[in-house]
Amino acid sequence: MNSISIKIQQGAKAFLMSEYKLLIIFMIVVAVVMAVALSPITALAFVTGGVLSAAAGYVGMHVATRANTRTAHAAEASVAKALNVSFKSGLTHGLVRRLVRVDGLVAVADRSRFQRDGGCHPLRAHR
């Protein structure tokens, strides 16, 4: 089971890396167009979202491939154990993806507010 699991993990990583190579080219082109046509802040928000989405995808693939092996191993003992392992793995996967997205939204919103307020940080006193 371990040798199959390792092959699946290697294949998943190879797929993601080949996909990310194309994604990087696309993001650069679109970000430049956005920076010129709209604003650099909009382009920065786009790139931030793309990077965080890619990170969430990588973590998700990592968790999913390992969870599949653990679930298959638990299924040898009982269906209940397999369901327990798969539920916990899915929960972890979902929470990580949501946290990455929320952190990205908070960072972009904070940066936008910082610029809108003339560079004055909201926690510092106005002079």
Protein backbone atom coordinates (compact mmCIF):
# COMPACT_ATOMS: atom_id res chain seq x y z
CA MET A 1 0.00 0.00 0.00
CA ASN A 2 2.86 2.41 0.76
CA SER A 3 4.43 2.07 -2.68
CA ILE A 4 1.10 2.84 -4.38
CA SER A 5 0.54 5.76 -2.02
CA ILE A 6 3.95 7.24 -2.82
CA LYS A 7 3.30 6.93 -6.57
CA ILE A 8 -0.06 8.67 -6.20
CA GLN A 9 1.52 11.50 -4.19
CA GLN A 10 4.30 11.92 -6.76
CA GLY A 11 1.78 11.99 -9.59
CA ALA A 12 -0.37 14.55 -7.81
CA LYS A 13 2.61 16.82 -7.17
CA ALA A 14 3.79 16.49 -10.78
CA PHE A 15 0.29 17.43 -11.99
CA LEU A 16 0.13 20.48 -9.73
CA MET A 17 3.59 21.70 -10.72
CA SER A 18 2.81 21.46 -14.43
CA GLU A 19 -0.50 23.25 -13.84
CA TYR A 20 1.15 25.96 -11.76
CA LYS A 21 3.69 26.70 -14.50
CA LEU A 22 0.87 27.65 -16.84
CA LEU A 23 -0.98 29.45 -14.09
CA ILE A 24 2.02 31.66 -13.31
CA ILE A 25 2.28 32.79 -16.93
CA PHE A 26 -1.45 33.54 -17.05
CA MET A 27 -1.36 35.43 -13.74
CA ILE A 28 1.57 37.60 -14.84
CA VAL A 29 -0.12 38.57 -18.10
CA VAL A 30 -3.47 39.31 -16.46
CA ALA A 31 -1.85 41.18 -13.55
CA VAL A 32 0.05 43.47 -15.92
CA VAL A 33 -3.13 44.19 -17.88
CA MET A 34 -5.03 44.86 -14.66
CA ALA A 35 -2.29 47.12 -13.30
CA VAL A 36 -2.35 49.22 -16.48
CA ALA A 37 -6.10 49.19 -17.13
CA LEU A 38 -7.42 49.36 -13.57
CA SER A 39 -4.91 49.92 -10.78
CA PRO A 40 -1.85 48.30 -9.23
CA ILE A 41 -3.86 47.54 -6.08
CA THR A 42 -6.39 45.56 -8.10
CA ALA A 43 -3.55 43.63 -9.74
CA LEU A 44 -1.98 42.98 -6.33
CA ALA A 45 -5.30 41.68 -5.00
CA PHE A 46 -5.59 39.40 -8.05
CA VAL A 47 -2.09 38.01 -7.57
CA THR A 48 -2.65 37.57 -3.83
CA GLY A 49 -5.82 35.62 -4.51
CA GLY A 50 -4.08 33.47 -7.10
CA VAL A 51 -1.14 32.67 -4.83
CA LEU A 52 -3.40 31.83 -1.89
CA SER A 53 -5.62 29.71 -4.10
CA ALA A 54 -2.58 27.81 -5.38
CA ALA A 55 -1.34 27.30 -1.83
CA ALA A 56 -4.76 26.00 -0.77
CA GLY A 57 -4.77 23.65 -3.75
CA TYR A 58 -1.33 22.32 -2.89
CA VAL A 59 -2.23 21.75 0.75
CA GLY A 60 -5.53 20.21 -0.28
CA MET A 61 -3.85 17.77 -2.65
CA HIS A 62 -1.29 16.90 0.01
CA VAL A 63 -3.96 16.22 2.63
CA ALA A 64 -6.22 14.33 0.21
CA THR A 65 -3.57 11.94 -1.10
CA ARG A 66 -2.42 11.06 2.41
CA ALA A 67 -5.98 10.78 3.68
CA ASN A 68 -6.86 8.32 0.93
CA THR A 69 -4.10 5.98 2.08
CA ARG A 70 -5.11 6.27 5.74
CA THR A 71 -8.75 5.67 4.84
CA ALA A 72 -7.92 2.58 2.78
CA HIS A 73 -5.81 1.23 5.63
CA ALA A 74 -8.60 1.90 8.17
CA ALA A 75 -11.15 0.23 5.87
CA GLU A 76 -9.26 -3.05 6.30
CA ALA A 77 -10.34 -2.98 9.96
CA SER A 78 -13.90 -1.67 9.61
CA VAL A 79 -16.12 0.70 7.70
CA ALA A 80 -16.67 2.79 10.82
CA LYS A 81 -12.94 3.42 11.22
CA ALA A 82 -12.64 4.31 7.53
CA LEU A 83 -15.51 6.81 7.79
CA ASN A 84 -13.97 8.33 10.90
CA VAL A 85 -10.60 8.82 9.20
CA SER A 86 -12.13 10.21 6.01
CA PHE A 87 -14.39 12.61 7.94
CA LYS A 88 -11.49 14.01 9.98
CA SER A 89 -9.32 14.36 6.88
CA GLY A 90 -12.08 16.15 4.99
CA LEU A 91 -12.65 18.46 7.93
CA THR A 92 -8.96 19.33 8.06
CA HIS A 93 -8.88 19.94 4.33
CA GLY A 94 -11.92 22.20 4.43
CA LEU A 95 -10.72 24.23 7.40
CA VAL A 96 -7.28 24.84 5.88
CA ARG A 97 -8.76 26.03 2.60
CA ARG A 98 -11.22 28.35 4.34
CA LEU A 99 -8.53 29.81 6.62
CA VAL A 100 -6.22 30.51 3.67
CA ARG A 101 -9.03 32.30 1.84
CA VAL A 102 -10.12 34.32 4.87
CA ASP A 103 -6.54 35.37 5.62
CA GLY A 104 -6.20 36.53 2.02
CA LEU A 105 -9.41 38.53 2.14
CA VAL A 106 -8.39 40.15 5.43
CA ALA A 107 -4.96 41.08 4.06
CA VAL A 108 -6.42 42.64 0.90
CA ALA A 109 -9.14 44.50 2.82
CA ASP A 110 -6.63 45.79 5.38
CA ARG A 111 -4.28 46.97 2.63
CA SER A 112 -7.13 48.70 0.80
CA ARG A 113 -8.28 50.46 3.97
CA PHE A 114 -4.68 51.46 4.74
CA GLN A 115 -4.34 53.14 1.35
CA ARG A 116 -7.82 54.67 1.44
CA ASP A 117 -7.06 56.30 4.82
CA GLY A 118 -3.97 57.99 3.40
CA GLY A 119 -1.45 55.55 4.78
CA CYS A 120 -2.55 55.90 8.39
CA HIS A 121 -2.78 52.58 10.15
CA PRO A 122 -6.11 52.18 12.03
CA LEU A 123 -4.37 51.16 15.25
CA ARG A 124 -2.14 54.23 15.35
CA ALA A 125 -3.35 57.60 16.59
CA HIS A 126 -3.99 60.29 13.99
CA ARG A 127 -1.76 63.34 14.40
